[in-house]
N, C-alpha and C. Protein backbone atom coordinates (compact mmCIF):
# COMPACT_ATOMS: atom_id res chain seq x y z
N MET A 1 56.24 73.33 50.55
CA MET A 1 55.01 73.34 49.80
C MET A 1 54.70 71.98 49.30
N ASN A 2 53.69 71.38 49.89
CA ASN A 2 53.25 70.06 49.43
C ASN A 2 52.07 70.23 48.47
N GLY A 3 52.00 69.39 47.53
CA GLY A 3 50.91 69.45 46.57
C GLY A 3 50.96 68.25 45.67
N PRO A 4 50.01 68.18 44.73
CA PRO A 4 49.99 67.02 43.80
C PRO A 4 51.25 66.98 42.94
N TRP A 5 51.93 68.11 42.70
CA TRP A 5 53.10 68.06 41.87
C TRP A 5 54.29 67.40 42.57
N ASN A 6 54.18 67.24 43.89
CA ASN A 6 55.24 66.57 44.62
C ASN A 6 55.05 65.03 44.66
N GLN A 7 54.04 64.55 44.00
CA GLN A 7 53.79 63.14 43.97
C GLN A 7 54.43 62.42 42.79
N ILE A 8 55.35 63.09 42.15
CA ILE A 8 56.02 62.50 40.97
C ILE A 8 56.84 61.27 41.38
N ASN A 9 57.28 61.23 42.63
CA ASN A 9 58.04 60.06 43.05
C ASN A 9 57.15 58.77 43.10
N LEU A 10 55.84 58.96 43.14
CA LEU A 10 54.91 57.80 43.12
C LEU A 10 55.00 57.16 41.76
N LEU A 11 55.20 57.94 40.70
CA LEU A 11 55.29 57.38 39.34
C LEU A 11 56.56 56.55 39.16
N LEU A 12 57.58 56.90 39.93
CA LEU A 12 58.88 56.22 39.77
C LEU A 12 59.01 55.09 40.80
N THR A 13 57.92 54.70 41.41
CA THR A 13 57.88 53.57 42.36
C THR A 13 57.52 52.31 41.65
N GLY A 14 58.09 51.19 42.04
CA GLY A 14 57.75 49.90 41.41
C GLY A 14 56.33 49.48 41.67
N PHE A 15 55.70 48.91 40.65
CA PHE A 15 54.30 48.50 40.77
C PHE A 15 54.29 47.09 41.46
N THR A 16 54.25 47.10 42.77
CA THR A 16 54.22 45.87 43.56
C THR A 16 53.07 45.96 44.59
N SER A 17 52.81 44.85 45.20
CA SER A 17 51.68 44.83 46.20
C SER A 17 52.02 45.68 47.44
N ALA A 18 53.31 45.80 47.73
CA ALA A 18 53.72 46.61 48.89
C ALA A 18 53.51 48.09 48.62
N ASN A 19 53.78 48.53 47.41
CA ASN A 19 53.67 49.96 47.09
C ASN A 19 52.31 50.41 46.65
N PHE A 20 51.55 49.51 46.03
CA PHE A 20 50.24 49.89 45.50
C PHE A 20 49.18 48.86 45.96
N LYS A 21 49.06 48.73 47.26
CA LYS A 21 48.20 47.70 47.85
C LYS A 21 46.72 47.80 47.34
N PRO A 22 46.12 49.00 47.26
CA PRO A 22 44.69 49.02 46.86
C PRO A 22 44.42 48.54 45.42
N ILE A 23 45.34 48.78 44.49
CA ILE A 23 45.04 48.46 43.08
C ILE A 23 45.87 47.32 42.49
N PHE A 24 46.86 46.90 43.19
CA PHE A 24 47.78 45.88 42.58
C PHE A 24 47.07 44.58 42.28
N ASP A 25 46.41 43.95 43.31
CA ASP A 25 45.73 42.68 43.13
C ASP A 25 44.59 42.79 42.12
N LEU A 26 43.84 43.87 42.24
CA LEU A 26 42.70 44.08 41.32
C LEU A 26 43.22 44.21 39.90
N THR A 27 44.32 44.90 39.69
CA THR A 27 44.85 45.08 38.34
C THR A 27 45.29 43.79 37.70
N TRP A 28 46.12 43.01 38.40
CA TRP A 28 46.58 41.76 37.80
C TRP A 28 45.50 40.73 37.65
N GLN A 29 44.56 40.71 38.57
CA GLN A 29 43.43 39.73 38.43
C GLN A 29 42.51 40.11 37.30
N LEU A 30 42.21 41.37 37.14
CA LEU A 30 41.36 41.82 36.03
C LEU A 30 42.08 41.60 34.69
N ALA A 31 43.39 41.89 34.64
CA ALA A 31 44.13 41.73 33.39
C ALA A 31 44.14 40.26 33.02
N PHE A 32 44.38 39.38 33.96
CA PHE A 32 44.38 37.94 33.66
C PHE A 32 43.02 37.44 33.24
N GLY A 33 41.99 37.81 33.99
CA GLY A 33 40.63 37.40 33.64
C GLY A 33 40.15 37.93 32.30
N LEU A 34 40.39 39.21 32.04
CA LEU A 34 39.97 39.78 30.76
C LEU A 34 40.77 39.23 29.59
N LEU A 35 42.03 38.85 29.81
CA LEU A 35 42.81 38.23 28.74
C LEU A 35 42.21 36.86 28.37
N ILE A 36 41.83 36.08 29.36
CA ILE A 36 41.21 34.78 29.14
C ILE A 36 39.83 34.97 28.41
N VAL A 37 39.06 35.91 28.90
CA VAL A 37 37.75 36.20 28.30
C VAL A 37 37.90 36.62 26.82
N ALA A 38 38.88 37.49 26.53
CA ALA A 38 39.10 37.96 25.18
C ALA A 38 39.48 36.80 24.25
N ILE A 39 40.31 35.90 24.71
CA ILE A 39 40.73 34.78 23.87
C ILE A 39 39.52 33.80 23.63
N VAL A 40 38.77 33.52 24.65
CA VAL A 40 37.61 32.66 24.50
C VAL A 40 36.58 33.31 23.58
N PHE A 41 36.30 34.62 23.86
CA PHE A 41 35.37 35.34 23.01
C PHE A 41 35.76 35.39 21.59
N TYR A 42 37.05 35.56 21.30
CA TYR A 42 37.54 35.56 19.91
C TYR A 42 37.32 34.22 19.20
N ASN A 43 37.57 33.13 19.93
CA ASN A 43 37.38 31.82 19.33
C ASN A 43 35.90 31.52 19.06
N VAL A 44 35.05 31.88 20.01
CA VAL A 44 33.58 31.58 19.83
C VAL A 44 33.02 32.49 18.74
N GLN A 45 33.35 33.78 18.79
CA GLN A 45 32.80 34.71 17.79
C GLN A 45 33.42 34.45 16.41
N GLY A 46 34.65 33.99 16.35
CA GLY A 46 35.28 33.72 15.07
C GLY A 46 34.56 32.65 14.32
N ARG A 47 34.09 31.64 15.00
CA ARG A 47 33.31 30.60 14.30
C ARG A 47 31.95 31.14 13.89
N ARG A 48 31.36 31.96 14.74
CA ARG A 48 30.03 32.45 14.44
C ARG A 48 29.96 33.46 13.32
N LEU A 49 31.01 34.30 13.25
CA LEU A 49 31.04 35.42 12.30
C LEU A 49 31.93 35.21 11.11
N HIS A 50 32.24 33.93 10.74
CA HIS A 50 33.15 33.68 9.69
C HIS A 50 32.68 34.24 8.35
N ALA A 51 31.38 34.41 8.16
CA ALA A 51 30.89 34.90 6.88
C ALA A 51 30.79 36.44 6.83
N TYR A 52 30.98 37.11 7.94
CA TYR A 52 30.83 38.58 7.99
C TYR A 52 32.21 39.16 8.28
N SER A 53 32.87 39.59 7.19
CA SER A 53 34.28 40.03 7.27
C SER A 53 34.52 41.21 8.16
N VAL A 54 33.65 42.20 8.15
CA VAL A 54 33.87 43.41 8.95
C VAL A 54 33.78 43.08 10.45
N PHE A 55 32.77 42.28 10.79
CA PHE A 55 32.68 41.91 12.22
C PHE A 55 33.78 41.03 12.68
N GLN A 56 34.28 40.22 11.80
CA GLN A 56 35.44 39.38 12.14
C GLN A 56 36.67 40.28 12.30
N ASP A 57 36.85 41.29 11.44
CA ASP A 57 37.98 42.23 11.63
C ASP A 57 37.87 42.97 12.96
N LEU A 58 36.66 43.41 13.31
CA LEU A 58 36.46 44.07 14.59
C LEU A 58 36.83 43.14 15.75
N ASN A 59 36.38 41.92 15.67
CA ASN A 59 36.70 40.94 16.70
C ASN A 59 38.19 40.71 16.77
N GLU A 60 38.89 40.66 15.70
CA GLU A 60 40.33 40.45 15.69
C GLU A 60 41.06 41.65 16.23
N TRP A 61 40.63 42.85 15.89
CA TRP A 61 41.25 44.05 16.44
C TRP A 61 41.13 44.05 17.96
N LEU A 62 39.92 43.75 18.44
CA LEU A 62 39.72 43.75 19.90
C LEU A 62 40.53 42.69 20.59
N MET A 63 40.66 41.51 19.95
CA MET A 63 41.42 40.44 20.57
C MET A 63 42.89 40.81 20.67
N TRP A 64 43.48 41.33 19.61
CA TRP A 64 44.90 41.62 19.66
C TRP A 64 45.21 42.83 20.55
N THR A 65 44.26 43.76 20.63
CA THR A 65 44.45 44.86 21.62
C THR A 65 44.38 44.31 23.01
N SER A 66 43.48 43.39 23.26
CA SER A 66 43.37 42.75 24.59
C SER A 66 44.62 42.03 24.93
N VAL A 67 45.17 41.25 24.02
CA VAL A 67 46.39 40.52 24.27
C VAL A 67 47.52 41.49 24.62
N GLY A 68 47.67 42.56 23.80
CA GLY A 68 48.73 43.48 24.06
C GLY A 68 48.64 44.20 25.36
N VAL A 69 47.47 44.78 25.64
CA VAL A 69 47.29 45.56 26.85
C VAL A 69 47.34 44.71 28.11
N PHE A 70 46.58 43.64 28.12
CA PHE A 70 46.47 42.84 29.34
C PHE A 70 47.75 42.01 29.60
N ALA A 71 48.43 41.61 28.55
CA ALA A 71 49.73 40.93 28.75
C ALA A 71 50.74 41.89 29.28
N LEU A 72 50.72 43.14 28.79
CA LEU A 72 51.65 44.14 29.32
C LEU A 72 51.42 44.41 30.82
N LEU A 73 50.11 44.54 31.18
CA LEU A 73 49.80 44.77 32.58
C LEU A 73 50.21 43.62 33.46
N LEU A 74 50.02 42.40 32.96
CA LEU A 74 50.49 41.23 33.74
C LEU A 74 52.00 41.26 33.90
N MET A 75 52.67 41.56 32.82
CA MET A 75 54.17 41.64 32.88
C MET A 75 54.64 42.75 33.81
N PHE A 76 53.97 43.88 33.82
CA PHE A 76 54.33 44.93 34.74
C PHE A 76 54.14 44.51 36.15
N ALA A 77 53.06 43.77 36.45
CA ALA A 77 52.78 43.33 37.79
C ALA A 77 53.75 42.25 38.26
N VAL A 78 54.07 41.31 37.39
CA VAL A 78 54.99 40.24 37.77
C VAL A 78 56.41 40.77 38.00
N PHE A 79 56.88 41.63 37.13
CA PHE A 79 58.28 42.08 37.23
C PHE A 79 58.48 43.40 38.00
N GLY A 80 57.37 43.99 38.49
CA GLY A 80 57.48 45.18 39.29
C GLY A 80 58.03 46.41 38.58
N PHE A 81 57.55 46.66 37.38
CA PHE A 81 57.93 47.82 36.65
C PHE A 81 57.49 49.09 37.39
N ASP A 82 58.09 50.22 37.04
CA ASP A 82 57.70 51.48 37.64
C ASP A 82 56.26 51.83 37.19
N PHE A 83 55.55 52.53 38.07
CA PHE A 83 54.16 52.89 37.79
C PHE A 83 54.05 53.84 36.59
N ILE A 84 55.14 54.47 36.23
CA ILE A 84 55.09 55.36 35.07
C ILE A 84 54.85 54.61 33.76
N PHE A 85 55.09 53.29 33.78
CA PHE A 85 54.76 52.45 32.58
C PHE A 85 53.34 51.88 32.72
N VAL A 86 52.90 51.63 33.91
CA VAL A 86 51.59 51.00 34.12
C VAL A 86 50.45 51.96 33.80
N LEU A 87 50.53 53.16 34.30
CA LEU A 87 49.49 54.14 34.13
C LEU A 87 49.19 54.47 32.66
N PRO A 88 50.20 54.77 31.83
CA PRO A 88 49.92 55.03 30.42
C PRO A 88 49.39 53.78 29.67
N THR A 89 49.79 52.62 30.09
CA THR A 89 49.27 51.42 29.48
C THR A 89 47.77 51.27 29.78
N MET A 90 47.39 51.53 31.01
CA MET A 90 45.96 51.44 31.36
C MET A 90 45.17 52.51 30.59
N ILE A 91 45.62 53.70 30.60
CA ILE A 91 44.86 54.80 29.96
C ILE A 91 44.91 54.64 28.43
N GLY A 92 46.08 54.31 27.87
CA GLY A 92 46.15 54.11 26.42
C GLY A 92 45.37 52.92 25.94
N GLY A 93 45.33 51.83 26.73
CA GLY A 93 44.52 50.66 26.36
C GLY A 93 43.07 51.00 26.33
N ALA A 94 42.60 51.74 27.38
CA ALA A 94 41.18 52.13 27.41
C ALA A 94 40.82 53.00 26.24
N VAL A 95 41.68 53.97 25.90
CA VAL A 95 41.46 54.84 24.76
C VAL A 95 41.44 54.04 23.46
N LEU A 96 42.33 53.11 23.34
CA LEU A 96 42.42 52.30 22.11
C LEU A 96 41.17 51.42 21.97
N PHE A 97 40.66 50.82 23.01
CA PHE A 97 39.43 50.05 22.96
C PHE A 97 38.26 50.91 22.54
N ILE A 98 38.17 52.11 23.12
CA ILE A 98 37.08 53.02 22.78
C ILE A 98 37.18 53.45 21.32
N TRP A 99 38.41 53.79 20.88
CA TRP A 99 38.57 54.17 19.47
C TRP A 99 38.21 53.08 18.51
N ILE A 100 38.61 51.85 18.78
CA ILE A 100 38.32 50.74 17.88
C ILE A 100 36.79 50.53 17.80
N ARG A 101 36.15 50.47 18.95
CA ARG A 101 34.73 50.06 18.96
C ARG A 101 33.78 51.20 18.55
N PHE A 102 34.13 52.44 18.90
CA PHE A 102 33.14 53.52 18.68
C PHE A 102 33.55 54.54 17.62
N ILE A 103 34.75 54.53 17.12
CA ILE A 103 35.17 55.51 16.11
C ILE A 103 35.59 54.80 14.82
N HIS A 104 36.51 53.85 14.89
CA HIS A 104 37.05 53.23 13.72
C HIS A 104 36.08 52.33 12.98
N PHE A 105 35.38 51.45 13.69
CA PHE A 105 34.59 50.42 12.98
C PHE A 105 33.15 50.80 12.67
N PRO A 106 32.47 51.69 13.35
CA PRO A 106 31.05 52.01 12.99
C PRO A 106 30.88 52.43 11.55
N PRO A 107 31.72 53.28 10.96
CA PRO A 107 31.49 53.60 9.54
C PRO A 107 31.70 52.34 8.61
N LEU A 108 32.68 51.53 8.94
CA LEU A 108 32.88 50.31 8.15
C LEU A 108 31.72 49.36 8.28
N ILE A 109 31.16 49.23 9.45
CA ILE A 109 30.01 48.38 9.65
C ILE A 109 28.79 48.91 8.91
N ARG A 110 28.59 50.22 8.92
CA ARG A 110 27.47 50.86 8.22
C ARG A 110 27.58 50.58 6.70
N VAL A 111 28.76 50.74 6.13
CA VAL A 111 28.95 50.50 4.68
C VAL A 111 28.75 49.02 4.40
N TYR A 112 29.22 48.14 5.25
CA TYR A 112 29.06 46.70 5.02
C TYR A 112 27.57 46.32 5.08
N GLU A 113 26.83 46.85 6.01
CA GLU A 113 25.43 46.56 6.13
C GLU A 113 24.65 47.06 4.93
N GLU A 114 24.98 48.26 4.43
CA GLU A 114 24.36 48.80 3.20
C GLU A 114 24.61 47.90 2.03
N ARG A 115 25.86 47.40 1.90
CA ARG A 115 26.18 46.51 0.80
C ARG A 115 25.39 45.18 0.90
N LEU A 116 25.24 44.66 2.11
CA LEU A 116 24.46 43.42 2.29
C LEU A 116 23.00 43.72 1.96
N ALA A 117 22.49 44.88 2.31
CA ALA A 117 21.06 45.20 2.02
C ALA A 117 20.87 45.29 0.50
N ARG A 118 21.81 45.90 -0.23
CA ARG A 118 21.72 45.97 -1.67
C ARG A 118 21.76 44.60 -2.30
N GLN A 119 22.64 43.74 -1.81
CA GLN A 119 22.69 42.38 -2.34
C GLN A 119 21.41 41.63 -2.11
N ARG A 120 20.86 41.77 -0.90
CA ARG A 120 19.56 41.11 -0.66
C ARG A 120 18.46 41.67 -1.56
N TYR A 121 18.43 42.98 -1.80
CA TYR A 121 17.43 43.56 -2.62
C TYR A 121 17.56 43.05 -4.06
N PHE A 122 18.75 43.02 -4.62
CA PHE A 122 18.90 42.55 -5.98
C PHE A 122 18.61 41.07 -6.10
N GLN A 123 18.92 40.28 -5.08
CA GLN A 123 18.52 38.83 -5.12
C GLN A 123 17.03 38.68 -5.11
N ARG A 124 16.37 39.52 -4.33
CA ARG A 124 14.91 39.45 -4.29
C ARG A 124 14.28 39.88 -5.64
N THR A 125 14.82 40.90 -6.26
CA THR A 125 14.24 41.36 -7.51
C THR A 125 14.52 40.33 -8.67
N LYS A 126 15.59 39.60 -8.57
CA LYS A 126 15.85 38.60 -9.61
C LYS A 126 14.89 37.42 -9.53
N THR A 127 14.50 37.06 -8.31
CA THR A 127 13.64 35.89 -8.19
C THR A 127 12.16 36.28 -8.04
N SER A 128 11.81 37.56 -8.18
CA SER A 128 10.44 37.93 -8.03
C SER A 128 9.65 37.74 -9.31
N HIS A 129 10.29 37.57 -10.45
CA HIS A 129 9.57 37.34 -11.71
C HIS A 129 9.31 35.86 -11.84
N PRO A 130 8.09 35.51 -12.20
CA PRO A 130 7.75 34.05 -12.33
C PRO A 130 8.58 33.36 -13.39
N GLU A 131 9.00 34.08 -14.43
CA GLU A 131 9.72 33.47 -15.51
C GLU A 131 11.09 32.95 -15.06
N THR A 132 11.62 33.52 -14.02
CA THR A 132 12.96 33.11 -13.56
C THR A 132 12.88 31.78 -12.82
N THR A 133 11.70 31.38 -12.35
CA THR A 133 11.61 30.13 -11.61
C THR A 133 11.14 28.99 -12.45
N ILE A 134 10.68 29.29 -13.68
CA ILE A 134 10.21 28.22 -14.57
C ILE A 134 11.35 27.71 -15.41
N ARG A 135 11.50 26.42 -15.38
CA ARG A 135 12.59 25.83 -16.22
C ARG A 135 12.12 25.76 -17.65
N THR A 136 13.01 26.08 -18.56
CA THR A 136 12.71 25.94 -19.97
C THR A 136 13.27 24.62 -20.48
N ARG A 137 12.55 24.09 -21.43
CA ARG A 137 13.05 22.83 -22.03
C ARG A 137 14.09 23.11 -23.08
N PRO A 138 15.02 22.26 -23.14
CA PRO A 138 16.04 22.47 -24.23
C PRO A 138 15.40 22.35 -25.60
N THR A 139 15.84 23.16 -26.56
CA THR A 139 15.28 23.15 -27.88
C THR A 139 15.75 22.01 -28.70
N THR A 140 16.93 21.52 -28.52
CA THR A 140 17.41 20.40 -29.27
C THR A 140 17.25 19.12 -28.42
N ALA A 141 16.31 18.34 -28.80
CA ALA A 141 16.06 17.11 -28.07
C ALA A 141 16.91 16.00 -28.67
N LYS A 142 17.62 15.30 -27.89
CA LYS A 142 18.43 14.18 -28.34
C LYS A 142 17.52 12.95 -28.31
N PRO A 143 17.72 12.07 -29.27
CA PRO A 143 16.89 10.85 -29.26
C PRO A 143 17.31 9.95 -28.09
N LYS A 144 16.34 9.33 -27.51
CA LYS A 144 16.61 8.49 -26.36
C LYS A 144 17.32 7.21 -26.84
N ARG A 145 18.29 6.77 -26.11
CA ARG A 145 18.97 5.56 -26.44
C ARG A 145 18.25 4.39 -25.80
N ARG A 146 18.23 3.33 -26.52
CA ARG A 146 17.61 2.11 -25.99
C ARG A 146 18.65 1.27 -25.33
N ARG A 147 18.25 0.73 -24.26
CA ARG A 147 19.19 -0.16 -23.53
C ARG A 147 19.06 -1.53 -24.10
N ARG A 148 20.12 -2.25 -24.13
CA ARG A 148 20.05 -3.64 -24.63
C ARG A 148 20.35 -4.56 -23.52
């Protein structure tokens, strides 16, 4: 009886170009390329978002997840680990990226944006009165000194 349950030996096969010809090159090339893109993206966005702490945290979470997942995939490809390690890393990495971007950070971003909106509103209400922009003269005037 042959069936998909008899393919367990495929999971215990080394992840090499000879054993996994269709996906081996694509996997290591994508892992290498996406690792470089993640590092460059982190550096560019880090400078741009330095004033926005939540977005900087999101950027950092994504970068370290990228380093972990893509470096593991590269290591698995270089050293020929069994496919039983490669497949959970691919699936777990994808799930982790989705969780970070679409579940963990949206509520934090929403709260942060509401706080920024409140700050902007209160700044606007403080400067909307004309009295706040007019300088008052000091009540105690000091006599002017004469230069000699």
